[in-house]
N, C-alpha and C. Protein backbone atom coordinates (compact mmCIF):
# COMPACT_ATOMS: atom_id res chain seq x y z
N UNK A 1 67.56 -109.62 12.54
CA UNK A 1 66.46 -108.67 12.33
C UNK A 1 66.81 -107.78 11.13
N UNK A 2 65.83 -107.57 10.28
CA UNK A 2 66.06 -106.72 9.12
C UNK A 2 66.06 -105.25 9.55
N UNK A 3 66.61 -104.42 8.67
CA UNK A 3 66.64 -102.98 8.95
C UNK A 3 65.23 -102.42 9.06
N UNK A 4 64.34 -102.91 8.19
CA UNK A 4 62.95 -102.45 8.21
C UNK A 4 62.27 -102.85 9.53
N UNK A 5 62.53 -104.07 10.01
CA UNK A 5 61.95 -104.51 11.27
C UNK A 5 62.46 -103.70 12.45
N UNK A 6 63.78 -103.37 12.41
CA UNK A 6 64.37 -102.57 13.49
C UNK A 6 63.72 -101.19 13.56
N UNK A 7 63.59 -100.55 12.39
CA UNK A 7 63.00 -99.21 12.34
C UNK A 7 61.55 -99.25 12.81
N UNK A 8 60.81 -100.29 12.38
CA UNK A 8 59.42 -100.42 12.81
C UNK A 8 59.34 -100.57 14.33
N UNK A 9 60.24 -101.38 14.90
CA UNK A 9 60.26 -101.59 16.35
C UNK A 9 60.58 -100.31 17.10
N UNK A 10 61.56 -99.55 16.60
CA UNK A 10 61.93 -98.29 17.25
C UNK A 10 60.76 -97.32 17.18
N UNK A 11 60.07 -97.27 16.04
CA UNK A 11 58.93 -96.36 15.89
C UNK A 11 57.82 -96.68 16.86
N UNK A 12 57.51 -97.95 17.02
CA UNK A 12 56.45 -98.36 17.94
C UNK A 12 56.86 -98.05 19.38
N UNK A 13 58.14 -98.38 19.72
CA UNK A 13 58.62 -98.13 21.08
C UNK A 13 58.64 -96.64 21.39
N UNK A 14 59.10 -95.82 20.44
CA UNK A 14 59.14 -94.38 20.64
C UNK A 14 57.75 -93.81 20.82
N UNK A 15 56.79 -94.34 20.04
CA UNK A 15 55.41 -93.85 20.17
C UNK A 15 54.83 -94.17 21.53
N UNK A 16 55.12 -95.38 22.00
CA UNK A 16 54.62 -95.77 23.33
C UNK A 16 55.25 -94.92 24.40
N UNK A 17 56.58 -94.68 24.28
CA UNK A 17 57.28 -93.86 25.26
C UNK A 17 56.73 -92.45 25.25
N UNK A 18 56.54 -91.89 24.03
CA UNK A 18 55.99 -90.53 23.93
C UNK A 18 54.61 -90.43 24.53
N UNK A 19 53.78 -91.45 24.32
CA UNK A 19 52.43 -91.45 24.89
C UNK A 19 52.50 -91.43 26.41
N UNK A 20 53.42 -92.22 26.97
CA UNK A 20 53.58 -92.24 28.43
C UNK A 20 53.99 -90.90 28.98
N UNK A 21 54.93 -90.22 28.28
CA UNK A 21 55.37 -88.90 28.73
C UNK A 21 54.24 -87.89 28.68
N UNK A 22 53.46 -87.94 27.60
CA UNK A 22 52.35 -87.00 27.47
C UNK A 22 51.33 -87.20 28.58
N UNK A 23 51.08 -88.48 28.92
CA UNK A 23 50.12 -88.75 29.99
C UNK A 23 50.63 -88.22 31.32
N UNK A 24 51.93 -88.37 31.59
CA UNK A 24 52.50 -87.86 32.84
C UNK A 24 52.41 -86.34 32.89
N UNK A 25 52.71 -85.67 31.75
CA UNK A 25 52.62 -84.21 31.70
C UNK A 25 51.19 -83.75 31.94
N UNK A 26 50.24 -84.48 31.36
CA UNK A 26 48.83 -84.10 31.53
C UNK A 26 48.42 -84.23 32.99
N UNK A 27 48.91 -85.29 33.66
CA UNK A 27 48.59 -85.48 35.08
C UNK A 27 49.23 -84.40 35.94
N UNK A 28 50.45 -83.95 35.54
CA UNK A 28 51.16 -82.95 36.34
C UNK A 28 50.63 -81.55 36.13
N UNK A 29 49.97 -81.30 35.01
CA UNK A 29 49.49 -79.95 34.70
C UNK A 29 48.35 -79.58 35.64
N UNK A 30 48.32 -78.32 36.10
CA UNK A 30 47.22 -77.91 36.98
C UNK A 30 45.91 -77.86 36.21
N UNK A 31 44.80 -78.11 36.86
CA UNK A 31 43.52 -78.07 36.17
C UNK A 31 43.21 -76.66 35.68
N UNK A 32 42.46 -76.60 34.59
CA UNK A 32 42.07 -75.30 34.03
C UNK A 32 41.30 -74.51 35.08
N UNK A 33 41.62 -73.23 35.19
CA UNK A 33 40.93 -72.38 36.15
C UNK A 33 41.45 -72.54 37.57
N UNK A 34 42.50 -73.34 37.73
CA UNK A 34 43.08 -73.53 39.07
C UNK A 34 43.93 -72.34 39.48
N UNK A 35 44.32 -72.32 40.72
CA UNK A 35 45.13 -71.23 41.26
C UNK A 35 46.55 -71.30 40.69
N UNK A 36 47.07 -70.18 40.22
CA UNK A 36 48.44 -70.14 39.73
C UNK A 36 49.37 -69.76 40.87
N UNK A 37 50.60 -70.24 40.77
CA UNK A 37 51.59 -69.95 41.79
C UNK A 37 52.52 -68.86 41.30
N UNK A 38 53.08 -68.13 42.24
CA UNK A 38 54.04 -67.08 41.89
C UNK A 38 53.65 -65.76 42.50
N UNK A 39 54.60 -64.82 42.52
CA UNK A 39 54.32 -63.52 43.14
C UNK A 39 53.31 -62.71 42.35
N UNK A 40 52.44 -62.05 43.06
CA UNK A 40 51.45 -61.19 42.42
C UNK A 40 52.00 -59.79 42.21
N UNK A 41 51.15 -58.88 41.75
CA UNK A 41 51.59 -57.50 41.51
C UNK A 41 52.11 -56.84 42.78
N UNK A 42 53.14 -56.03 42.61
CA UNK A 42 53.70 -55.26 43.72
C UNK A 42 53.77 -53.79 43.30
N UNK A 43 53.69 -52.87 44.24
CA UNK A 43 53.77 -51.45 43.88
C UNK A 43 55.20 -51.05 43.51
N UNK A 44 55.36 -50.38 42.39
CA UNK A 44 56.66 -49.84 41.99
C UNK A 44 56.47 -48.42 41.46
N UNK A 45 57.55 -47.66 41.48
CA UNK A 45 57.54 -46.30 40.94
C UNK A 45 58.65 -46.18 39.91
N UNK A 46 58.30 -45.75 38.71
CA UNK A 46 59.27 -45.56 37.64
C UNK A 46 59.37 -44.07 37.32
N UNK A 47 60.60 -43.58 37.20
CA UNK A 47 60.84 -42.19 36.85
C UNK A 47 61.12 -42.14 35.35
N UNK A 48 60.12 -41.72 34.58
CA UNK A 48 60.22 -41.74 33.13
C UNK A 48 60.09 -40.34 32.58
N UNK A 49 61.10 -39.92 31.84
CA UNK A 49 61.12 -38.59 31.24
C UNK A 49 60.88 -37.50 32.28
N UNK A 50 61.46 -37.70 33.47
CA UNK A 50 61.38 -36.70 34.53
C UNK A 50 60.11 -36.71 35.34
N UNK A 51 59.27 -37.71 35.13
CA UNK A 51 57.99 -37.76 35.84
C UNK A 51 57.82 -39.12 36.50
N UNK A 52 57.39 -39.16 37.79
CA UNK A 52 57.19 -40.45 38.46
C UNK A 52 55.86 -41.09 38.06
N UNK A 53 55.89 -42.39 37.88
CA UNK A 53 54.69 -43.16 37.57
C UNK A 53 54.57 -44.28 38.59
N UNK A 54 53.43 -44.35 39.29
CA UNK A 54 53.17 -45.40 40.26
C UNK A 54 52.36 -46.51 39.61
N UNK A 55 52.88 -47.73 39.70
CA UNK A 55 52.25 -48.87 39.05
C UNK A 55 52.19 -50.06 40.01
N UNK A 56 51.29 -50.98 39.73
CA UNK A 56 51.26 -52.29 40.40
C UNK A 56 51.52 -53.33 39.33
N UNK A 57 52.71 -53.95 39.38
CA UNK A 57 53.12 -54.88 38.34
C UNK A 57 53.67 -56.16 38.95
N UNK A 58 53.49 -57.26 38.24
CA UNK A 58 54.14 -58.50 38.65
C UNK A 58 55.65 -58.32 38.43
N UNK A 59 56.45 -58.92 39.29
CA UNK A 59 57.91 -58.76 39.17
C UNK A 59 58.48 -59.23 37.83
N UNK A 60 57.75 -60.07 37.09
CA UNK A 60 58.26 -60.58 35.81
C UNK A 60 58.04 -59.62 34.64
N UNK A 61 57.31 -58.51 34.85
CA UNK A 61 57.00 -57.58 33.76
C UNK A 61 58.25 -56.81 33.36
N UNK A 62 58.54 -56.78 32.06
CA UNK A 62 59.71 -56.05 31.58
C UNK A 62 59.40 -54.56 31.51
N UNK A 63 60.47 -53.78 31.46
CA UNK A 63 60.31 -52.34 31.30
C UNK A 63 59.57 -52.03 30.01
N UNK A 64 59.87 -52.76 28.95
CA UNK A 64 59.19 -52.55 27.67
C UNK A 64 57.69 -52.75 27.80
N UNK A 65 57.28 -53.84 28.43
CA UNK A 65 55.84 -54.10 28.60
C UNK A 65 55.20 -53.09 29.53
N UNK A 66 55.92 -52.64 30.54
CA UNK A 66 55.38 -51.61 31.43
C UNK A 66 55.14 -50.32 30.65
N UNK A 67 56.10 -49.94 29.82
CA UNK A 67 55.96 -48.72 29.02
C UNK A 67 54.78 -48.82 28.06
N UNK A 68 54.73 -49.90 27.31
CA UNK A 68 53.73 -50.03 26.25
C UNK A 68 52.34 -50.37 26.78
N UNK A 69 52.26 -51.35 27.68
CA UNK A 69 50.96 -51.89 28.09
C UNK A 69 50.33 -51.21 29.30
N UNK A 70 51.15 -50.54 30.10
CA UNK A 70 50.62 -49.94 31.32
C UNK A 70 50.69 -48.42 31.33
N UNK A 71 51.55 -47.83 30.49
CA UNK A 71 51.71 -46.38 30.50
C UNK A 71 51.40 -45.74 29.14
N UNK A 72 51.09 -46.55 28.14
CA UNK A 72 50.78 -46.07 26.79
C UNK A 72 51.92 -45.25 26.19
N UNK A 73 53.15 -45.58 26.56
CA UNK A 73 54.33 -44.98 25.94
C UNK A 73 54.83 -46.00 24.92
N UNK A 74 54.35 -45.86 23.70
CA UNK A 74 54.52 -46.91 22.69
C UNK A 74 55.64 -46.63 21.70
N UNK A 75 56.49 -45.65 21.98
CA UNK A 75 57.61 -45.36 21.08
C UNK A 75 58.55 -46.53 20.97
N UNK A 76 58.92 -47.11 22.10
CA UNK A 76 59.77 -48.31 22.10
C UNK A 76 58.93 -49.47 21.56
N UNK A 77 59.45 -50.14 20.55
CA UNK A 77 58.68 -51.17 19.86
C UNK A 77 59.06 -52.57 20.34
N UNK A 78 58.08 -53.47 20.37
CA UNK A 78 58.32 -54.87 20.71
C UNK A 78 58.40 -55.65 19.41
N UNK A 79 59.63 -55.99 19.02
CA UNK A 79 59.84 -56.69 17.76
C UNK A 79 60.37 -58.09 18.02
N UNK A 80 61.65 -58.20 18.38
CA UNK A 80 62.21 -59.55 18.60
C UNK A 80 61.94 -60.05 20.01
N UNK A 81 61.88 -59.15 20.98
CA UNK A 81 61.70 -59.49 22.40
C UNK A 81 62.81 -60.43 22.87
N UNK A 82 63.99 -60.33 22.23
CA UNK A 82 65.12 -61.21 22.55
C UNK A 82 66.44 -60.45 22.58
N UNK A 83 66.42 -59.14 22.76
CA UNK A 83 67.66 -58.34 22.83
C UNK A 83 68.51 -58.48 21.58
N UNK A 84 67.87 -58.47 20.43
CA UNK A 84 68.60 -58.66 19.18
C UNK A 84 68.45 -57.47 18.23
N UNK A 85 67.26 -56.89 18.14
CA UNK A 85 67.01 -55.90 17.08
C UNK A 85 67.20 -54.45 17.50
N UNK A 86 67.01 -54.13 18.78
CA UNK A 86 67.19 -52.76 19.25
C UNK A 86 65.99 -51.85 19.09
N UNK A 87 64.86 -52.36 18.60
CA UNK A 87 63.68 -51.51 18.40
C UNK A 87 63.11 -50.99 19.72
N UNK A 88 63.46 -51.62 20.82
CA UNK A 88 62.93 -51.22 22.13
C UNK A 88 63.91 -50.37 22.92
N UNK A 89 64.93 -49.81 22.25
CA UNK A 89 65.99 -49.09 22.95
C UNK A 89 65.48 -47.87 23.70
N UNK A 90 65.90 -47.75 24.95
CA UNK A 90 65.66 -46.57 25.78
C UNK A 90 66.97 -46.26 26.49
N UNK A 91 67.00 -45.14 27.21
CA UNK A 91 68.19 -44.77 27.98
C UNK A 91 67.83 -44.84 29.46
N UNK A 92 68.60 -45.60 30.22
CA UNK A 92 68.36 -45.76 31.65
C UNK A 92 69.61 -45.29 32.40
N UNK A 93 69.44 -44.22 33.16
CA UNK A 93 70.55 -43.62 33.91
C UNK A 93 71.77 -43.40 33.02
N UNK A 94 71.51 -42.86 31.82
CA UNK A 94 72.58 -42.52 30.90
C UNK A 94 73.12 -43.67 30.08
N UNK A 95 72.59 -44.87 30.27
CA UNK A 95 73.07 -46.03 29.53
C UNK A 95 72.01 -46.51 28.54
N UNK A 96 72.43 -46.76 27.31
CA UNK A 96 71.53 -47.27 26.27
C UNK A 96 71.25 -48.74 26.57
N UNK A 97 69.96 -49.10 26.68
CA UNK A 97 69.59 -50.48 27.00
C UNK A 97 68.43 -50.94 26.13
N UNK A 98 68.32 -52.26 25.98
CA UNK A 98 67.14 -52.86 25.38
C UNK A 98 66.12 -53.01 26.49
N UNK A 99 64.99 -52.34 26.38
CA UNK A 99 64.00 -52.39 27.47
C UNK A 99 63.31 -53.74 27.59
N UNK A 100 63.45 -54.61 26.57
CA UNK A 100 62.87 -55.95 26.67
C UNK A 100 63.68 -56.85 27.59
N UNK A 101 64.89 -56.41 27.98
CA UNK A 101 65.75 -57.24 28.83
C UNK A 101 65.83 -56.72 30.26
N UNK A 102 65.16 -55.61 30.55
CA UNK A 102 65.21 -55.02 31.88
C UNK A 102 63.86 -55.23 32.56
N UNK A 103 63.86 -55.77 33.76
CA UNK A 103 62.62 -55.88 34.51
C UNK A 103 62.23 -54.51 35.02
N UNK A 104 60.95 -54.20 34.94
CA UNK A 104 60.47 -52.89 35.41
C UNK A 104 60.84 -52.68 36.87
N UNK A 105 60.73 -53.73 37.67
CA UNK A 105 61.02 -53.60 39.10
C UNK A 105 62.48 -53.23 39.34
N UNK A 106 63.37 -53.64 38.43
CA UNK A 106 64.79 -53.31 38.56
C UNK A 106 65.11 -51.90 38.06
N UNK A 107 64.17 -51.27 37.37
CA UNK A 107 64.40 -49.93 36.84
C UNK A 107 63.98 -48.85 37.84
N UNK A 108 63.49 -49.26 39.00
CA UNK A 108 63.11 -48.29 40.03
C UNK A 108 64.35 -47.51 40.48
N UNK A 109 64.14 -46.22 40.77
CA UNK A 109 65.22 -45.38 41.26
C UNK A 109 66.18 -44.93 40.19
N UNK A 110 65.88 -45.24 38.92
CA UNK A 110 66.75 -44.84 37.81
C UNK A 110 66.01 -43.86 36.91
N UNK A 111 66.78 -43.03 36.22
CA UNK A 111 66.20 -42.08 35.27
C UNK A 111 65.99 -42.78 33.94
N UNK A 112 64.75 -42.91 33.53
CA UNK A 112 64.42 -43.60 32.28
C UNK A 112 64.02 -42.55 31.25
N UNK A 113 64.64 -42.62 30.09
CA UNK A 113 64.31 -41.68 29.02
C UNK A 113 63.85 -42.46 27.79
N UNK A 114 62.67 -42.09 27.30
CA UNK A 114 62.12 -42.71 26.09
C UNK A 114 62.04 -41.67 25.00
N UNK A 115 61.74 -42.10 23.79
CA UNK A 115 61.69 -41.16 22.67
C UNK A 115 60.61 -40.09 22.89
N UNK A 116 59.58 -40.44 23.68
CA UNK A 116 58.52 -39.45 23.95
C UNK A 116 59.04 -38.27 24.76
N UNK A 117 60.18 -38.44 25.44
CA UNK A 117 60.65 -37.39 26.34
C UNK A 117 61.82 -36.57 25.84
N UNK A 118 62.27 -36.77 24.59
CA UNK A 118 63.47 -36.03 24.16
C UNK A 118 63.16 -34.76 23.37
N UNK A 119 61.93 -34.60 22.92
CA UNK A 119 61.58 -33.37 22.19
C UNK A 119 61.13 -32.30 23.18
N UNK A 120 61.21 -31.06 22.74
CA UNK A 120 60.76 -29.93 23.57
C UNK A 120 59.57 -29.28 22.88
N UNK A 121 58.37 -29.51 23.42
CA UNK A 121 57.16 -28.98 22.79
C UNK A 121 57.02 -29.53 21.39
N UNK A 122 56.88 -28.62 20.41
CA UNK A 122 56.76 -29.04 19.01
C UNK A 122 58.12 -29.10 18.31
N UNK A 123 59.19 -28.85 19.05
CA UNK A 123 60.53 -28.83 18.47
C UNK A 123 61.19 -30.20 18.61
N UNK A 124 61.56 -30.78 17.48
CA UNK A 124 62.21 -32.09 17.48
C UNK A 124 63.60 -32.01 18.10
N UNK A 125 64.00 -33.08 18.73
CA UNK A 125 65.37 -33.21 19.19
C UNK A 125 66.28 -33.20 17.95
N UNK A 126 67.50 -32.67 18.05
CA UNK A 126 68.38 -32.63 16.87
C UNK A 126 68.58 -33.99 16.20
N UNK A 127 68.60 -35.07 16.98
CA UNK A 127 68.76 -36.40 16.37
C UNK A 127 67.53 -36.74 15.55
N UNK A 128 66.34 -36.51 16.10
CA UNK A 128 65.10 -36.79 15.36
C UNK A 128 65.04 -35.96 14.09
N UNK A 129 65.37 -34.67 14.20
CA UNK A 129 65.34 -33.78 13.03
C UNK A 129 66.33 -34.25 11.97
N UNK A 130 67.51 -34.68 12.39
CA UNK A 130 68.52 -35.14 11.43
C UNK A 130 68.06 -36.42 10.73
N UNK A 131 67.36 -37.29 11.44
CA UNK A 131 66.83 -38.51 10.82
C UNK A 131 65.84 -38.14 9.71
N UNK A 132 65.02 -37.12 9.95
CA UNK A 132 64.08 -36.66 8.92
C UNK A 132 64.85 -36.07 7.74
N UNK A 133 65.84 -35.22 8.03
CA UNK A 133 66.60 -34.55 6.98
C UNK A 133 67.32 -35.53 6.06
N UNK A 134 67.75 -36.65 6.60
CA UNK A 134 68.53 -37.62 5.81
C UNK A 134 67.70 -38.83 5.38
N UNK A 135 66.38 -38.71 5.52
CA UNK A 135 65.48 -39.80 5.13
C UNK A 135 65.97 -41.12 5.73
N UNK A 136 66.29 -41.06 7.02
CA UNK A 136 66.88 -42.22 7.70
C UNK A 136 65.83 -43.15 8.28
N UNK A 137 64.66 -43.14 7.67
CA UNK A 137 63.62 -44.08 8.08
C UNK A 137 62.77 -44.42 6.86
N UNK A 138 62.29 -45.65 6.82
CA UNK A 138 61.37 -46.01 5.75
C UNK A 138 60.07 -46.50 6.38
N UNK A 139 60.04 -47.76 6.84
CA UNK A 139 58.81 -48.20 7.51
C UNK A 139 58.66 -47.52 8.85
N UNK A 140 59.78 -47.11 9.47
CA UNK A 140 59.73 -46.35 10.72
C UNK A 140 59.65 -47.20 11.97
N UNK A 141 59.56 -48.50 11.83
CA UNK A 141 59.36 -49.33 13.02
C UNK A 141 60.59 -49.35 13.91
N UNK A 142 61.78 -49.35 13.31
CA UNK A 142 63.01 -49.38 14.09
C UNK A 142 63.47 -47.98 14.49
N UNK A 143 62.87 -46.94 13.90
CA UNK A 143 63.38 -45.58 14.04
C UNK A 143 63.48 -45.09 15.48
N UNK A 144 62.44 -45.26 16.33
CA UNK A 144 62.58 -44.76 17.71
C UNK A 144 63.77 -45.38 18.43
N UNK A 145 64.00 -46.67 18.22
CA UNK A 145 65.15 -47.32 18.85
C UNK A 145 66.46 -46.77 18.34
N UNK A 146 66.55 -46.52 17.04
CA UNK A 146 67.76 -45.94 16.47
C UNK A 146 67.99 -44.53 16.98
N UNK A 147 66.93 -43.74 17.07
CA UNK A 147 67.07 -42.36 17.56
C UNK A 147 67.61 -42.36 18.99
N UNK A 148 67.06 -43.24 19.84
CA UNK A 148 67.52 -43.31 21.22
C UNK A 148 68.95 -43.84 21.30
N UNK A 149 69.29 -44.81 20.47
CA UNK A 149 70.66 -45.31 20.44
C UNK A 149 71.62 -44.22 19.98
N UNK A 150 71.20 -43.45 18.96
CA UNK A 150 72.04 -42.36 18.46
C UNK A 150 72.21 -41.26 19.51
N UNK A 151 71.13 -40.93 20.20
CA UNK A 151 71.22 -39.90 21.25
C UNK A 151 72.17 -40.35 22.36
N UNK A 152 72.01 -41.60 22.81
CA UNK A 152 72.89 -42.11 23.85
C UNK A 152 74.35 -42.14 23.39
N UNK A 153 74.55 -42.50 22.13
CA UNK A 153 75.91 -42.52 21.57
C UNK A 153 76.50 -41.11 21.56
N UNK A 154 75.73 -40.12 21.11
CA UNK A 154 76.23 -38.75 21.04
C UNK A 154 76.43 -38.14 22.43
N UNK A 155 75.65 -38.56 23.40
CA UNK A 155 75.87 -38.08 24.77
C UNK A 155 77.26 -38.52 25.26
N UNK A 156 77.70 -39.70 24.82
CA UNK A 156 79.00 -40.21 25.24
C UNK A 156 80.13 -39.79 24.30
N UNK A 157 79.80 -39.59 23.03
CA UNK A 157 80.81 -39.28 22.02
C UNK A 157 80.29 -38.14 21.14
N UNK A 158 80.42 -36.91 21.60
CA UNK A 158 79.76 -35.77 20.92
C UNK A 158 80.33 -35.40 19.56
N UNK A 159 81.54 -35.83 19.23
CA UNK A 159 82.15 -35.47 17.95
C UNK A 159 82.66 -36.72 17.22
N UNK A 160 81.75 -37.58 16.78
CA UNK A 160 82.20 -38.85 16.19
C UNK A 160 82.59 -38.72 14.73
N UNK A 161 83.39 -39.67 14.28
CA UNK A 161 83.65 -39.84 12.86
C UNK A 161 82.54 -40.72 12.29
N UNK A 162 82.53 -40.85 10.96
CA UNK A 162 81.53 -41.70 10.31
C UNK A 162 81.70 -43.15 10.76
N UNK A 163 82.94 -43.60 10.88
CA UNK A 163 83.20 -44.97 11.31
C UNK A 163 82.74 -45.19 12.75
N UNK A 164 82.97 -44.20 13.61
CA UNK A 164 82.52 -44.31 15.00
C UNK A 164 81.00 -44.33 15.08
N UNK A 165 80.35 -43.54 14.23
CA UNK A 165 78.87 -43.54 14.20
C UNK A 165 78.35 -44.91 13.77
N UNK A 166 79.02 -45.52 12.80
CA UNK A 166 78.62 -46.86 12.35
C UNK A 166 78.74 -47.85 13.50
N UNK A 167 79.85 -47.80 14.22
CA UNK A 167 80.05 -48.71 15.35
C UNK A 167 79.07 -48.41 16.48
N UNK A 168 78.78 -47.12 16.69
CA UNK A 168 77.89 -46.72 17.78
C UNK A 168 76.46 -47.19 17.61
N UNK A 169 76.05 -47.47 16.38
CA UNK A 169 74.68 -47.92 16.11
C UNK A 169 74.61 -49.41 15.79
N UNK A 170 75.70 -50.13 16.00
CA UNK A 170 75.75 -51.53 15.55
C UNK A 170 74.85 -52.45 16.37
N UNK A 171 74.28 -51.98 17.46
CA UNK A 171 73.38 -52.82 18.24
C UNK A 171 71.94 -52.79 17.78
N UNK A 172 71.64 -52.05 16.74
CA UNK A 172 70.28 -51.93 16.22
C UNK A 172 70.22 -52.40 14.78
N UNK A 173 69.06 -52.98 14.41
CA UNK A 173 68.88 -53.51 13.07
C UNK A 173 67.77 -52.75 12.34
N UNK A 174 67.98 -52.52 11.04
CA UNK A 174 66.97 -51.88 10.19
C UNK A 174 66.70 -52.81 9.02
N UNK A 175 65.49 -53.33 8.95
CA UNK A 175 65.15 -54.24 7.85
C UNK A 175 65.09 -53.52 6.52
N UNK A 176 64.82 -52.22 6.54
CA UNK A 176 64.75 -51.46 5.29
C UNK A 176 66.13 -51.06 4.79
N UNK A 177 67.15 -51.15 5.64
CA UNK A 177 68.52 -50.89 5.21
C UNK A 177 68.88 -49.44 5.04
N UNK A 178 68.37 -48.56 5.91
CA UNK A 178 68.67 -47.13 5.77
C UNK A 178 69.88 -46.71 6.59
N UNK A 179 70.85 -47.59 6.70
CA UNK A 179 72.02 -47.34 7.56
C UNK A 179 72.83 -46.12 7.13
N UNK A 180 72.99 -45.91 5.83
CA UNK A 180 73.81 -44.78 5.36
C UNK A 180 73.18 -43.46 5.82
N UNK A 181 71.87 -43.33 5.65
CA UNK A 181 71.19 -42.12 6.10
C UNK A 181 71.28 -41.94 7.60
N UNK A 182 71.20 -43.02 8.34
CA UNK A 182 71.29 -42.93 9.81
C UNK A 182 72.65 -42.42 10.25
N UNK A 183 73.71 -42.94 9.63
CA UNK A 183 75.06 -42.50 10.01
C UNK A 183 75.25 -41.02 9.69
N UNK A 184 74.75 -40.60 8.54
CA UNK A 184 74.85 -39.17 8.20
C UNK A 184 74.03 -38.33 9.17
N UNK A 185 72.88 -38.87 9.60
CA UNK A 185 72.04 -38.15 10.56
C UNK A 185 72.77 -37.96 11.88
N UNK A 186 73.51 -38.97 12.31
CA UNK A 186 74.27 -38.86 13.56
C UNK A 186 75.29 -37.74 13.45
N UNK A 187 75.99 -37.65 12.32
CA UNK A 187 76.99 -36.60 12.15
C UNK A 187 76.35 -35.23 12.12
N UNK A 188 75.19 -35.11 11.44
CA UNK A 188 74.50 -33.81 11.42
C UNK A 188 74.03 -33.42 12.82
N UNK A 189 73.47 -34.38 13.55
CA UNK A 189 73.01 -34.10 14.90
C UNK A 189 74.16 -33.69 15.80
N UNK A 190 75.31 -34.29 15.58
CA UNK A 190 76.50 -33.91 16.34
C UNK A 190 76.84 -32.45 16.12
N UNK A 191 76.77 -32.01 14.88
CA UNK A 191 77.05 -30.59 14.58
C UNK A 191 75.99 -29.69 15.18
N UNK A 192 74.72 -30.11 15.07
CA UNK A 192 73.63 -29.30 15.62
C UNK A 192 73.71 -29.17 17.13
N UNK A 193 74.14 -30.23 17.78
CA UNK A 193 74.26 -30.20 19.23
C UNK A 193 75.53 -29.50 19.68
N UNK A 194 76.36 -29.07 18.67
CA UNK A 194 77.57 -28.30 18.92
C UNK A 194 78.50 -28.95 19.94
N UNK A 195 78.56 -30.27 19.87
CA UNK A 195 79.49 -30.98 20.74
C UNK A 195 79.08 -31.01 22.19
N UNK A 196 77.86 -30.58 22.49
CA UNK A 196 77.43 -30.59 23.88
C UNK A 196 76.25 -31.50 24.10
N UNK A 197 75.90 -31.69 25.34
CA UNK A 197 74.76 -32.57 25.68
C UNK A 197 73.47 -31.80 25.46
N UNK A 198 72.48 -32.48 24.96
CA UNK A 198 71.16 -31.90 24.72
C UNK A 198 70.15 -32.67 25.52
N UNK A 199 69.19 -31.99 26.12
CA UNK A 199 68.20 -32.66 26.98
C UNK A 199 67.43 -33.71 26.22
């Protein structure tokens, strides 16, 4: 058999096999408009920025989607949705987390803090103010996640060095590349917070 004949035979056989698989998948698929299987919405309560929120959500809903789609708390951004970029960063019971990786149902009974809850009235949180002072944002899409990551970092390490600040923010990505301003903002916020915890 020639090489050309072999390749032609493999192509025909593969096409036939693929057609058979597609037909089986089509037969196995539920009809359009049919009943879907799986758990429906359940009542949950989330404590966000010191306030309880009662919701009915499917168990598969992430904390990020609950915040954005059900509570209109849109500070945390949905960018990669794969725990890679950090744009959805929030603080849960004192721990910095990607909200796209936490199920809302698992966040019950925990203190959830979003960027909407760190300012006092019209007064910016020291981290937010420092980001403005150092022009540590350009498009601004990653900024809320960075601010929350920086706040969580300073809560744990109130007097960091520049190198520690760089390491403390390494879980977040900025496409505009404003990393230098962000690190300086962390150091300024540290001084403003006077080495103590800020609400």
